[in-house]
Amino acid sequence: MKTLVFVDSEDGHLVKSAAEAVFYASKFSSEVHALAYGEVDSSTLAALGAYGANAVLHHAGLNQADPVKLSRLVAAAVNETGANCVLFSHDFTGKAVAPMAAAKLKAGLVTGAVDYPDTSNGFVVKSAVFSGKAFAHYSVKTELKMLSLLPNSINIEQGSGEASVSAFDADLGDSRIVIKEVKKQVNESGPVLTEADMVVSAGRGLKGPENWGMVEELAKELGAATACSRPVADIGWRPHHEHVGQTGIAIRPNLYIAIGISGAIQHLAGVNGSKVIVVINTDPEAPFFKAADYGIVGDAFDVVPKMLEAVKKLNAA
């Protein structure tokens, strides 16, 4: 199977999910082509070879994530490479581009894959459904298959080697979408929330925005991103781009620490894919404890400083 992997970038750097998608594709494909766009250095693109890419097509002329033009770019790349499978990351750009490209190319599309396709008898993809509460297995029978990979679903390994990089031009035509302004999330003290391996999140249990200093300090010591529950963002204690949950950002970090969050079902839907969940709450009946791998019944103002002290000792060792 020949697979085309759509990879996204930001400020000249490939996003974390790009390497994951390429590695994923290499495990069931005989040949992997990556498709990149925008201002990305050729050496950065060639490094995708260490994750399994054989070649990279680069369209440098398109610098904005216009899903209409990107779907046309994908269609042109499929014709160029003869790919019979197209892979996206299940992120903001992938969610917008994949359905358009699938409709244009009349391809079967499975979104949110969480495991490698089963090719022993056709092409069957396991996907998370009902906000991660269950899994479904889809059999894709179209000649051209498309799927999007849920970030942080697999463990990747970096090998050696470089992919060949070639310029790729295509007539993308006009678009009815006009992008007037792009506001990017900037986190000078730690990783961006959507790409963070560790996240420290807090809720109304912190009693006010003036108490967020210990949350930010713990996140800094761990090299983690900060997040919050919806009520906290709604009342203005924290910015809305930190809101995680069903109506906010869905994340799947390796470690999620929830401080003073009860764990309503809407919040759980956005974080239940986390590898390890640690819950700190004064209420032993808080729903979040049922989803936690580790639970601490206690006051955040007593527990978090002790946790912070322990992390600092570990970092100093």
C-alpha atoms as a PDB file:
ATOM      1  CA  MET A   1       0.000   0.000   0.000  1.00  0.00           C
ATOM      2  CA  LYS A   2       1.248   3.463  -0.922  1.00  0.00           C
ATOM      3  CA  THR A   3       0.289   6.133   1.619  1.00  0.00           C
ATOM      4  CA  LEU A   4       0.310   9.913   1.367  1.00  0.00           C
ATOM      5  CA  VAL A   5       0.651  11.675   4.747  1.00  0.00           C
ATOM      6  CA  PHE A   6      -0.502  15.274   5.089  1.00  0.00           C
ATOM      7  CA  VAL A   7       1.851  17.030   7.529  1.00  0.00           C
ATOM      8  CA  ASP A   8       1.231  20.429   9.063  1.00  0.00           C
ATOM      9  CA  SER A   9       3.723  23.028  10.230  1.00  0.00           C
ATOM     10  CA  GLU A  10       3.844  26.191  12.299  1.00  0.00           C
ATOM     11  CA  ASP A  11       6.416  28.981  12.101  1.00  0.00           C
ATOM     12  CA  GLY A  12       8.671  26.865   9.903  1.00  0.00           C
ATOM     13  CA  HIS A  13       8.590  23.821  12.178  1.00  0.00           C
ATOM     14  CA  LEU A  14       6.652  20.615  11.712  1.00  0.00           C
ATOM     15  CA  VAL A  15       4.082  20.044  14.443  1.00  0.00           C
ATOM     16  CA  LYS A  16       4.590  17.112  16.810  1.00  0.00           C
ATOM     17  CA  SER A  17       1.818  15.052  15.239  1.00  0.00           C
ATOM     18  CA  ALA A  18       3.569  15.102  11.845  1.00  0.00           C
ATOM     19  CA  ALA A  19       6.267  12.631  12.903  1.00  0.00           C
ATOM     20  CA  GLU A  20       3.651  10.470  14.622  1.00  0.00           C
ATOM     21  CA  ALA A  21       1.514  10.290  11.463  1.00  0.00           C
ATOM     22  CA  VAL A  22       4.487   9.404   9.254  1.00  0.00           C
ATOM     23  CA  PHE A  23       5.650   6.668  11.635  1.00  0.00           C
ATOM     24  CA  TYR A  24       2.101   5.309  11.834  1.00  0.00           C
ATOM     25  CA  ALA A  25       1.842   5.148   8.040  1.00  0.00           C
ATOM     26  CA  SER A  26       5.185   3.373   7.722  1.00  0.00           C
ATOM     27  CA  LYS A  27       3.885   0.434   9.755  1.00  0.00           C
ATOM     28  CA  PHE A  28       1.280  -0.642   7.192  1.00  0.00           C
ATOM     29  CA  SER A  29       2.578   0.908   3.958  1.00  0.00           C
ATOM     30  CA  SER A  30       5.175  -0.217   1.448  1.00  0.00           C
ATOM     31  CA  GLU A  31       5.847   3.384   0.468  1.00  0.00           C
ATOM     32  CA  VAL A  32       5.234   6.630   2.363  1.00  0.00           C
ATOM     33  CA  HIS A  33       5.056  10.085   0.795  1.00  0.00           C
ATOM     34  CA  ALA A  34       4.617  13.150   2.997  1.00  0.00           C
ATOM     35  CA  LEU A  35       2.886  16.288   1.751  1.00  0.00           C
ATOM     36  CA  ALA A  36       3.946  19.601   3.315  1.00  0.00           C
ATOM     37  CA  TYR A  37       3.135  23.219   2.577  1.00  0.00           C
ATOM     38  CA  GLY A  38       4.322  26.653   3.610  1.00  0.00           C
ATOM     39  CA  GLU A  39       7.735  27.937   4.599  1.00  0.00           C
ATOM     40  CA  VAL A  40       9.508  24.873   5.947  1.00  0.00           C
ATOM     41  CA  ASP A  41      13.220  24.246   5.524  1.00  0.00           C
ATOM     42  CA  SER A  42      14.090  21.278   3.294  1.00  0.00           C
ATOM     43  CA  SER A  43      16.361  19.783   5.970  1.00  0.00           C
ATOM     44  CA  THR A  44      13.425  19.767   8.394  1.00  0.00           C
ATOM     45  CA  LEU A  45      11.304  17.937   5.846  1.00  0.00           C
ATOM     46  CA  ALA A  46      14.093  15.490   5.000  1.00  0.00           C
ATOM     47  CA  ALA A  47      14.246  14.536   8.697  1.00  0.00           C
ATOM     48  CA  LEU A  48      10.846  12.828   8.269  1.00  0.00           C
ATOM     49  CA  GLY A  49      12.846  10.008   6.730  1.00  0.00           C
ATOM     50  CA  ALA A  50      13.880   9.019  10.242  1.00  0.00           C
ATOM     51  CA  TYR A  51      10.218   8.224  10.954  1.00  0.00           C
ATOM     52  CA  GLY A  52       9.589   6.248   7.785  1.00  0.00           C
ATOM     53  CA  ALA A  53       8.961   8.727   4.953  1.00  0.00           C
ATOM     54  CA  ASN A  54      10.482   7.805   1.615  1.00  0.00           C
ATOM     55  CA  ALA A  55       9.822  11.148  -0.058  1.00  0.00           C
ATOM     56  CA  VAL A  56       8.344  14.561   0.713  1.00  0.00           C
ATOM     57  CA  LEU A  57       6.370  16.782  -1.649  1.00  0.00           C
ATOM     58  CA  HIS A  58       6.613  20.445  -0.660  1.00  0.00           C
ATOM     59  CA  HIS A  59       4.277  23.194  -1.872  1.00  0.00           C
ATOM     60  CA  ALA A  60       5.969  26.365  -0.661  1.00  0.00           C
ATOM     61  CA  GLY A  61       3.528  28.793  -2.246  1.00  0.00           C
ATOM     62  CA  LEU A  62       0.646  28.229   0.169  1.00  0.00           C
ATOM     63  CA  ASN A  63       1.227  29.736   3.602  1.00  0.00           C
ATOM     64  CA  GLN A  64      -2.272  29.767   5.082  1.00  0.00           C
ATOM     65  CA  ALA A  65      -4.365  26.835   6.276  1.00  0.00           C
ATOM     66  CA  ASP A  66      -7.202  27.364   3.809  1.00  0.00           C
ATOM     67  CA  PRO A  67      -9.023  23.995   3.873  1.00  0.00           C
ATOM     68  CA  VAL A  68     -10.429  24.475   0.361  1.00  0.00           C
ATOM     69  CA  LYS A  69      -7.010  24.976  -1.211  1.00  0.00           C
ATOM     70  CA  LEU A  70      -5.414  22.324   0.984  1.00  0.00           C
ATOM     71  CA  SER A  71      -8.012  19.753  -0.070  1.00  0.00           C
ATOM     72  CA  ARG A  72      -7.160  20.541  -3.704  1.00  0.00           C
ATOM     73  CA  LEU A  73      -3.478  20.176  -2.868  1.00  0.00           C
ATOM     74  CA  VAL A  74      -4.132  16.743  -1.369  1.00  0.00           C
ATOM     75  CA  ALA A  75      -6.084  15.691  -4.470  1.00  0.00           C
ATOM     76  CA  ALA A  76      -3.240  16.815  -6.735  1.00  0.00           C
ATOM     77  CA  ALA A  77      -0.679  14.957  -4.602  1.00  0.00           C
ATOM     78  CA  VAL A  78      -2.753  11.761  -4.740  1.00  0.00           C
ATOM     79  CA  ASN A  79      -2.733  11.969  -8.532  1.00  0.00           C
ATOM     80  CA  GLU A  80       1.000  12.680  -8.518  1.00  0.00           C
ATOM     81  CA  THR A  81       2.000   9.813  -6.231  1.00  0.00           C
ATOM     82  CA  GLY A  82      -0.665   7.232  -7.091  1.00  0.00           C
ATOM     83  CA  ALA A  83      -1.363   6.795  -3.383  1.00  0.00           C
ATOM     84  CA  ASN A  84      -4.208   4.493  -2.395  1.00  0.00           C
ATOM     85  CA  CYS A  85      -4.328   5.726   1.222  1.00  0.00           C
ATOM     86  CA  VAL A  86      -4.221   9.262   2.630  1.00  0.00           C
ATOM     87  CA  LEU A  87      -3.470   9.945   6.279  1.00  0.00           C
ATOM     88  CA  PHE A  88      -4.136  13.089   8.323  1.00  0.00           C
ATOM     89  CA  SER A  89      -3.614  13.987  11.958  1.00  0.00           C
ATOM     90  CA  HIS A  90      -6.926  14.404  13.774  1.00  0.00           C
ATOM     91  CA  ASP A  91      -6.140  18.004  14.709  1.00  0.00           C
ATOM     92  CA  PHE A  92      -7.684  21.346  13.766  1.00  0.00           C
ATOM     93  CA  THR A  93      -6.307  21.376  10.224  1.00  0.00           C
ATOM     94  CA  GLY A  94      -6.891  17.677   9.607  1.00  0.00           C
ATOM     95  CA  LYS A  95     -10.505  17.891  10.780  1.00  0.00           C
ATOM     96  CA  ALA A  96     -11.136  20.660   8.235  1.00  0.00           C
ATOM     97  CA  VAL A  97      -9.216  19.275   5.263  1.00  0.00           C
ATOM     98  CA  ALA A  98      -9.879  15.517   5.420  1.00  0.00           C
ATOM     99  CA  PRO A  99     -13.676  15.613   4.824  1.00  0.00           C
ATOM    100  CA  MET A 100     -13.289  18.005   1.880  1.00  0.00           C
ATOM    101  CA  ALA A 101     -10.553  15.895   0.315  1.00  0.00           C
ATOM    102  CA  ALA A 102     -12.561  12.691   0.876  1.00  0.00           C
ATOM    103  CA  ALA A 103     -15.637  14.164  -0.836  1.00  0.00           C
ATOM    104  CA  LYS A 104     -13.542  15.470  -3.719  1.00  0.00           C
ATOM    105  CA  LEU A 105     -11.816  12.114  -4.278  1.00  0.00           C
ATOM    106  CA  LYS A 106     -14.825   9.913  -3.372  1.00  0.00           C
ATOM    107  CA  ALA A 107     -12.804   8.152  -0.696  1.00  0.00           C
ATOM    108  CA  GLY A 108     -13.993   6.375   2.431  1.00  0.00           C
ATOM    109  CA  LEU A 109     -12.909   8.319   5.513  1.00  0.00           C
ATOM    110  CA  VAL A 110     -12.443   7.156   9.106  1.00  0.00           C
ATOM    111  CA  THR A 111     -11.655   9.871  11.650  1.00  0.00           C
ATOM    112  CA  GLY A 112      -9.952   9.520  15.019  1.00  0.00           C
ATOM    113  CA  ALA A 113      -8.100   6.229  14.480  1.00  0.00           C
ATOM    114  CA  VAL A 114      -6.466   4.927  17.661  1.00  0.00           C
ATOM    115  CA  ASP A 115      -4.670   1.816  16.387  1.00  0.00           C
ATOM    116  CA  TYR A 116      -3.013   0.485  13.256  1.00  0.00           C
ATOM    117  CA  PRO A 117      -5.349  -0.685  10.472  1.00  0.00           C
ATOM    118  CA  ASP A 118      -6.029  -4.418  10.297  1.00  0.00           C
ATOM    119  CA  THR A 119      -5.118  -5.400   6.733  1.00  0.00           C
ATOM    120  CA  SER A 120      -5.394  -9.151   7.214  1.00  0.00           C
ATOM    121  CA  ASN A 121      -8.870  -9.171   5.700  1.00  0.00           C
ATOM    122  CA  GLY A 122      -9.534  -5.884   3.944  1.00  0.00           C
ATOM    123  CA  PHE A 123      -8.846  -2.570   5.662  1.00  0.00           C
ATOM    124  CA  VAL A 124     -10.395  -2.243   9.124  1.00  0.00           C
ATOM    125  CA  VAL A 125      -9.758   0.812  11.299  1.00  0.00           C
ATOM    126  CA  LYS A 126     -10.393   1.128  15.045  1.00  0.00           C
ATOM    127  CA  SER A 127     -11.723   4.536  16.053  1.00  0.00           C
ATOM    128  CA  ALA A 128     -12.867   6.211  19.259  1.00  0.00           C
ATOM    129  CA  VAL A 129     -16.580   7.085  19.365  1.00  0.00           C
ATOM    130  CA  PHE A 130     -19.008   8.698  21.833  1.00  0.00           C
ATOM    131  CA  SER A 131     -16.334  11.110  23.119  1.00  0.00           C
ATOM    132  CA  GLY A 132     -13.911   8.270  23.798  1.00  0.00           C
ATOM    133  CA  LYS A 133     -16.350   6.121  25.783  1.00  0.00           C
ATOM    134  CA  ALA A 134     -16.340   3.309  23.206  1.00  0.00           C
ATOM    135  CA  PHE A 135     -14.577   2.053  20.100  1.00  0.00           C
ATOM    136  CA  ALA A 136     -15.882   1.184  16.652  1.00  0.00           C
ATOM    137  CA  HIS A 137     -14.284  -0.864  13.880  1.00  0.00           C
ATOM    138  CA  TYR A 138     -14.842   0.429  10.353  1.00  0.00           C
ATOM    139  CA  SER A 139     -14.208  -1.568   7.186  1.00  0.00           C
ATOM    140  CA  VAL A 140     -13.142   0.799   4.390  1.00  0.00           C
ATOM    141  CA  LYS A 141     -13.963  -0.672   0.987  1.00  0.00           C
ATOM    142  CA  THR A 142     -13.329   2.251  -1.373  1.00  0.00           C
ATOM    143  CA  GLU A 143     -10.304   2.033  -3.645  1.00  0.00           C
ATOM    144  CA  LEU A 144      -8.827   5.176  -2.094  1.00  0.00           C
ATOM    145  CA  LYS A 145      -8.879   5.111   1.689  1.00  0.00           C
ATOM    146  CA  MET A 146      -8.558   8.046   4.066  1.00  0.00           C
ATOM    147  CA  LEU A 147      -8.129   8.186   7.811  1.00  0.00           C
ATOM    148  CA  SER A 148      -7.062  10.598  10.513  1.00  0.00           C
ATOM    149  CA  LEU A 149      -4.947   9.556  13.480  1.00  0.00           C
ATOM    150  CA  LEU A 150      -5.884  10.712  16.970  1.00  0.00           C
ATOM    151  CA  PRO A 151      -2.749  12.428  18.384  1.00  0.00           C
ATOM    152  CA  ASN A 152      -0.693  10.574  20.998  1.00  0.00           C
ATOM    153  CA  SER A 153      -2.375   7.253  20.228  1.00  0.00           C
ATOM    154  CA  ILE A 154       0.805   5.350  19.394  1.00  0.00           C
ATOM    155  CA  ASN A 155       4.395   5.238  20.548  1.00  0.00           C
ATOM    156  CA  ILE A 156       6.847   6.330  17.891  1.00  0.00           C
ATOM    157  CA  GLU A 157      10.488   5.487  17.353  1.00  0.00           C
ATOM    158  CA  GLN A 158      13.030   7.644  15.583  1.00  0.00           C
ATOM    159  CA  GLY A 159      15.364   5.785  13.277  1.00  0.00           C
ATOM    160  CA  SER A 160      17.912   7.093  10.806  1.00  0.00           C
ATOM    161  CA  GLY A 161      17.897   8.183   7.214  1.00  0.00           C
ATOM    162  CA  GLU A 162      16.531  11.093   5.239  1.00  0.00           C
ATOM    163  CA  ALA A 163      13.637  11.439   2.838  1.00  0.00           C
ATOM    164  CA  SER A 164      14.052  12.988  -0.583  1.00  0.00           C
ATOM    165  CA  VAL A 165      12.410  16.410  -0.815  1.00  0.00           C
ATOM    166  CA  SER A 166      11.021  17.803  -4.046  1.00  0.00           C
ATOM    167  CA  ALA A 167       9.097  20.949  -4.875  1.00  0.00           C
ATOM    168  CA  PHE A 168       5.473  20.305  -5.751  1.00  0.00           C
ATOM    169  CA  ASP A 169       3.349  22.817  -7.577  1.00  0.00           C
ATOM    170  CA  ALA A 170      -0.365  22.545  -8.236  1.00  0.00           C
ATOM    171  CA  ASP A 171      -3.124  24.819  -9.463  1.00  0.00           C
ATOM    172  CA  LEU A 172      -5.144  25.421  -6.307  1.00  0.00           C
ATOM    173  CA  GLY A 173      -7.537  27.924  -7.863  1.00  0.00           C
ATOM    174  CA  ASP A 174      -9.538  30.475  -5.923  1.00  0.00           C
ATOM    175  CA  SER A 175     -11.253  29.954  -2.595  1.00  0.00           C
ATOM    176  CA  ARG A 176     -14.402  31.441  -1.124  1.00  0.00           C
ATOM    177  CA  ILE A 177     -12.652  31.444   2.242  1.00  0.00           C
ATOM    178  CA  VAL A 178     -10.773  34.622   3.129  1.00  0.00           C
ATOM    179  CA  ILE A 179      -8.357  34.383   6.051  1.00  0.00           C
ATOM    180  CA  LYS A 180      -8.038  37.909   7.421  1.00  0.00           C
ATOM    181  CA  GLU A 181      -6.140  37.247  10.623  1.00  0.00           C
ATOM    182  CA  VAL A 182      -4.518  34.344  12.441  1.00  0.00           C
ATOM    183  CA  LYS A 183      -4.147  34.523  16.215  1.00  0.00           C
ATOM    184  CA  LYS A 184      -1.753  31.911  17.507  1.00  0.00           C
ATOM    185  CA  GLN A 185      -1.589  30.568  21.014  1.00  0.00           C
ATOM    186  CA  VAL A 186       1.736  31.498  22.550  1.00  0.00           C
ATOM    187  CA  ASN A 187       3.054  29.907  25.717  1.00  0.00           C
ATOM    188  CA  GLU A 188       6.443  31.368  26.557  1.00  0.00           C
ATOM    189  CA  SER A 189       6.817  29.357  29.766  1.00  0.00           C
ATOM    190  CA  GLY A 190       6.048  25.884  28.411  1.00  0.00           C
ATOM    191  CA  PRO A 191       4.734  23.753  25.555  1.00  0.00           C
ATOM    192  CA  VAL A 192       1.573  24.513  23.616  1.00  0.00           C
ATOM    193  CA  LEU A 193      -1.412  22.726  25.152  1.00  0.00           C
ATOM    194  CA  THR A 194      -2.316  20.666  22.083  1.00  0.00           C
ATOM    195  CA  GLU A 195       1.218  19.241  21.812  1.00  0.00           C
ATOM    196  CA  ALA A 196       2.136  18.881  25.481  1.00  0.00           C
ATOM    197  CA  ASP A 197       3.140  15.490  26.899  1.00  0.00           C
ATOM    198  CA  MET A 198       2.116  16.683  30.370  1.00  0.00           C
ATOM    199  CA  VAL A 199      -0.691  19.036  31.407  1.00  0.00           C
ATOM    200  CA  VAL A 200      -1.475  20.618  34.780  1.00  0.00           C
ATOM    201  CA  SER A 201      -5.105  21.732  34.939  1.00  0.00           C
ATOM    202  CA  ALA A 202      -7.180  23.410  37.629  1.00  0.00           C
ATOM    203  CA  GLY A 203     -10.782  24.365  38.344  1.00  0.00           C
ATOM    204  CA  ARG A 204     -12.916  26.393  40.697  1.00  0.00           C
ATOM    205  CA  GLY A 205     -11.372  24.584  43.650  1.00  0.00           C
ATOM    206  CA  LEU A 206      -8.548  27.124  43.470  1.00  0.00           C
ATOM    207  CA  LYS A 207     -11.062  29.787  44.607  1.00  0.00           C
ATOM    208  CA  GLY A 208      -9.683  32.596  42.452  1.00  0.00           C
ATOM    209  CA  PRO A 209      -7.238  33.572  39.683  1.00  0.00           C
ATOM    210  CA  GLU A 210      -4.799  34.945  42.236  1.00  0.00           C
ATOM    211  CA  ASN A 211      -4.038  31.372  43.342  1.00  0.00           C
ATOM    212  CA  TRP A 212      -2.914  30.129  39.924  1.00  0.00           C
ATOM    213  CA  GLY A 213       0.741  30.823  40.652  1.00  0.00           C
ATOM    214  CA  MET A 214       1.347  27.392  42.180  1.00  0.00           C
ATOM    215  CA  VAL A 215      -0.304  25.713  39.176  1.00  0.00           C
ATOM    216  CA  GLU A 216       1.930  27.607  36.754  1.00  0.00           C
ATOM    217  CA  GLU A 217       5.011  26.881  38.863  1.00  0.00           C
ATOM    218  CA  LEU A 218       4.240  23.156  38.997  1.00  0.00           C
ATOM    219  CA  ALA A 219       3.707  23.111  35.238  1.00  0.00           C
ATOM    220  CA  LYS A 220       7.013  24.925  34.694  1.00  0.00           C
ATOM    221  CA  GLU A 221       8.937  22.464  36.865  1.00  0.00           C
ATOM    222  CA  LEU A 222       7.377  19.521  35.012  1.00  0.00           C
ATOM    223  CA  GLY A 223       7.800  21.066  31.567  1.00  0.00           C
ATOM    224  CA  ALA A 224       4.022  20.863  31.213  1.00  0.00           C
ATOM    225  CA  ALA A 225       1.290  23.050  29.734  1.00  0.00           C
ATOM    226  CA  THR A 226      -1.444  24.633  31.837  1.00  0.00           C
ATOM    227  CA  ALA A 227      -5.181  24.099  31.312  1.00  0.00           C
ATOM    228  CA  CYS A 228      -8.477  24.737  33.061  1.00  0.00           C
ATOM    229  CA  SER A 229     -12.105  23.669  33.288  1.00  0.00           C
ATOM    230  CA  ARG A 230     -14.865  25.483  31.412  1.00  0.00           C
ATOM    231  CA  PRO A 231     -16.333  27.406  34.411  1.00  0.00           C
ATOM    232  CA  VAL A 232     -12.904  28.857  35.113  1.00  0.00           C
ATOM    233  CA  ALA A 233     -12.588  30.135  31.529  1.00  0.00           C
ATOM    234  CA  ASP A 234     -16.199  31.379  31.458  1.00  0.00           C
ATOM    235  CA  ILE A 235     -15.765  33.576  34.525  1.00  0.00           C
ATOM    236  CA  GLY A 236     -12.497  34.977  33.203  1.00  0.00           C
ATOM    237  CA  TRP A 237     -10.008  33.434  35.596  1.00  0.00           C
ATOM    238  CA  ARG A 238      -8.086  31.862  32.709  1.00  0.00           C
ATOM    239  CA  PRO A 239      -8.022  32.401  28.920  1.00  0.00           C
ATOM    240  CA  HIS A 240     -10.427  30.337  26.816  1.00  0.00           C
ATOM    241  CA  HIS A 241      -7.616  28.689  24.854  1.00  0.00           C
ATOM    242  CA  GLU A 242      -6.746  26.784  28.062  1.00  0.00           C
ATOM    243  CA  HIS A 243     -10.250  25.303  28.400  1.00  0.00           C
ATOM    244  CA  VAL A 244     -10.153  21.525  27.937  1.00  0.00           C
ATOM    245  CA  GLY A 245     -13.239  19.339  27.640  1.00  0.00           C
ATOM    246  CA  GLN A 246     -15.982  18.370  25.229  1.00  0.00           C
ATOM    247  CA  THR A 247     -16.756  22.008  24.425  1.00  0.00           C
ATOM    248  CA  GLY A 248     -13.111  23.090  24.556  1.00  0.00           C
ATOM    249  CA  ILE A 249      -9.907  21.394  23.448  1.00  0.00           C
ATOM    250  CA  ALA A 250      -9.644  17.603  23.548  1.00  0.00           C
ATOM    251  CA  ILE A 251      -6.187  16.462  24.637  1.00  0.00           C
ATOM    252  CA  ARG A 252      -4.403  13.121  25.113  1.00  0.00           C
ATOM    253  CA  PRO A 253      -1.228  13.844  27.128  1.00  0.00           C
ATOM    254  CA  ASN A 254       0.873  11.187  28.821  1.00  0.00           C
ATOM    255  CA  LEU A 255       0.131  12.840  32.186  1.00  0.00           C
ATOM    256  CA  TYR A 256      -2.900  14.945  33.151  1.00  0.00           C
ATOM    257  CA  ILE A 257      -3.033  16.468  36.641  1.00  0.00           C
ATOM    258  CA  ALA A 258      -6.464  17.812  37.625  1.00  0.00           C
ATOM    259  CA  ILE A 259      -6.509  20.143  40.633  1.00  0.00           C
ATOM    260  CA  GLY A 260      -9.826  21.162  42.156  1.00  0.00           C
ATOM    261  CA  ILE A 261     -11.893  19.869  39.218  1.00  0.00           C
ATOM    262  CA  SER A 262     -14.932  17.745  40.026  1.00  0.00           C
ATOM    263  CA  GLY A 263     -14.843  15.901  36.720  1.00  0.00           C
ATOM    264  CA  ALA A 264     -18.175  16.573  35.026  1.00  0.00           C
ATOM    265  CA  ILE A 265     -18.853  14.334  32.051  1.00  0.00           C
ATOM    266  CA  GLN A 266     -18.184  17.184  29.602  1.00  0.00           C
ATOM    267  CA  HIS A 267     -14.721  17.706  31.049  1.00  0.00           C
ATOM    268  CA  LEU A 268     -13.923  13.997  31.100  1.00  0.00           C
ATOM    269  CA  ALA A 269     -14.841  13.704  27.418  1.00  0.00           C
ATOM    270  CA  GLY A 270     -11.947  15.992  26.546  1.00  0.00           C
ATOM    271  CA  VAL A 271      -9.257  14.357  28.681  1.00  0.00           C
ATOM    272  CA  ASN A 272     -10.174  10.675  29.074  1.00  0.00           C
ATOM    273  CA  GLY A 273      -7.626   9.690  26.436  1.00  0.00           C
ATOM    274  CA  SER A 274      -4.781  10.741  28.761  1.00  0.00           C
ATOM    275  CA  LYS A 275      -2.349   7.941  29.547  1.00  0.00           C
ATOM    276  CA  VAL A 276      -2.219   8.748  33.294  1.00  0.00           C
ATOM    277  CA  ILE A 277      -4.707  10.921  35.202  1.00  0.00           C
ATOM    278  CA  VAL A 278      -3.945  12.316  38.657  1.00  0.00           C
ATOM    279  CA  VAL A 279      -6.824  13.939  40.555  1.00  0.00           C
ATOM    280  CA  ILE A 280      -6.529  16.221  43.583  1.00  0.00           C
ATOM    281  CA  ASN A 281      -9.840  17.138  45.251  1.00  0.00           C
ATOM    282  CA  THR A 282     -11.248  17.669  48.714  1.00  0.00           C
ATOM    283  CA  ASP A 283     -14.435  15.772  47.846  1.00  0.00           C
ATOM    284  CA  PRO A 284     -13.915  11.978  47.977  1.00  0.00           C
ATOM    285  CA  GLU A 285     -17.145  11.564  45.976  1.00  0.00           C
ATOM    286  CA  ALA A 286     -15.956  13.733  43.079  1.00  0.00           C
ATOM    287  CA  PRO A 287     -16.748  11.929  39.774  1.00  0.00           C
ATOM    288  CA  PHE A 288     -13.195  12.476  38.548  1.00  0.00           C
ATOM    289  CA  PHE A 289     -11.835   9.892  40.997  1.00  0.00           C
ATOM    290  CA  LYS A 290     -13.615   7.139  39.033  1.00  0.00           C
ATOM    291  CA  ALA A 291     -11.515   7.985  35.975  1.00  0.00           C
ATOM    292  CA  ALA A 292      -8.277   8.632  37.872  1.00  0.00           C
ATOM    293  CA  ASP A 293      -5.219   6.403  37.880  1.00  0.00           C
ATOM    294  CA  TYR A 294      -4.068   8.155  41.062  1.00  0.00           C
ATOM    295  CA  GLY A 295      -6.302  10.141  43.402  1.00  0.00           C
ATOM    296  CA  ILE A 296      -5.427  12.415  46.310  1.00  0.00           C
ATOM    297  CA  VAL A 297      -8.234  13.453  48.651  1.00  0.00           C
ATOM    298  CA  GLY A 298      -6.981  16.703  50.116  1.00  0.00           C
ATOM    299  CA  ASP A 299      -6.860  20.470  49.906  1.00  0.00           C
ATOM    300  CA  ALA A 300      -4.999  21.700  46.828  1.00  0.00           C
ATOM    301  CA  PHE A 301      -3.378  24.426  48.929  1.00  0.00           C
ATOM    302  CA  ASP A 302      -1.748  21.702  51.054  1.00  0.00           C
ATOM    303  CA  VAL A 303      -1.103  19.067  48.380  1.00  0.00           C
ATOM    304  CA  VAL A 304       0.237  21.114  45.452  1.00  0.00           C
ATOM    305  CA  PRO A 305       3.050  22.877  47.401  1.00  0.00           C
ATOM    306  CA  LYS A 306       4.251  19.470  48.662  1.00  0.00           C
ATOM    307  CA  MET A 307       4.083  18.060  45.140  1.00  0.00           C
ATOM    308  CA  LEU A 308       5.990  21.072  43.844  1.00  0.00           C
ATOM    309  CA  GLU A 309       8.677  20.622  46.496  1.00  0.00           C
ATOM    310  CA  ALA A 310       9.071  16.962  45.547  1.00  0.00           C
ATOM    311  CA  VAL A 311       9.367  17.780  41.824  1.00  0.00           C
ATOM    312  CA  LYS A 312      12.002  20.418  42.524  1.00  0.00           C
ATOM    313  CA  LYS A 313      14.049  17.912  44.534  1.00  0.00           C
ATOM    314  CA  LEU A 314      13.760  15.407  41.701  1.00  0.00           C
ATOM    315  CA  ASN A 315      14.883  17.970  39.142  1.00  0.00           C
ATOM    316  CA  ALA A 316      17.828  18.978  41.305  1.00  0.00           C
ATOM    317  CA  ALA A 317      19.011  15.400  41.810  1.00  0.00           C
END
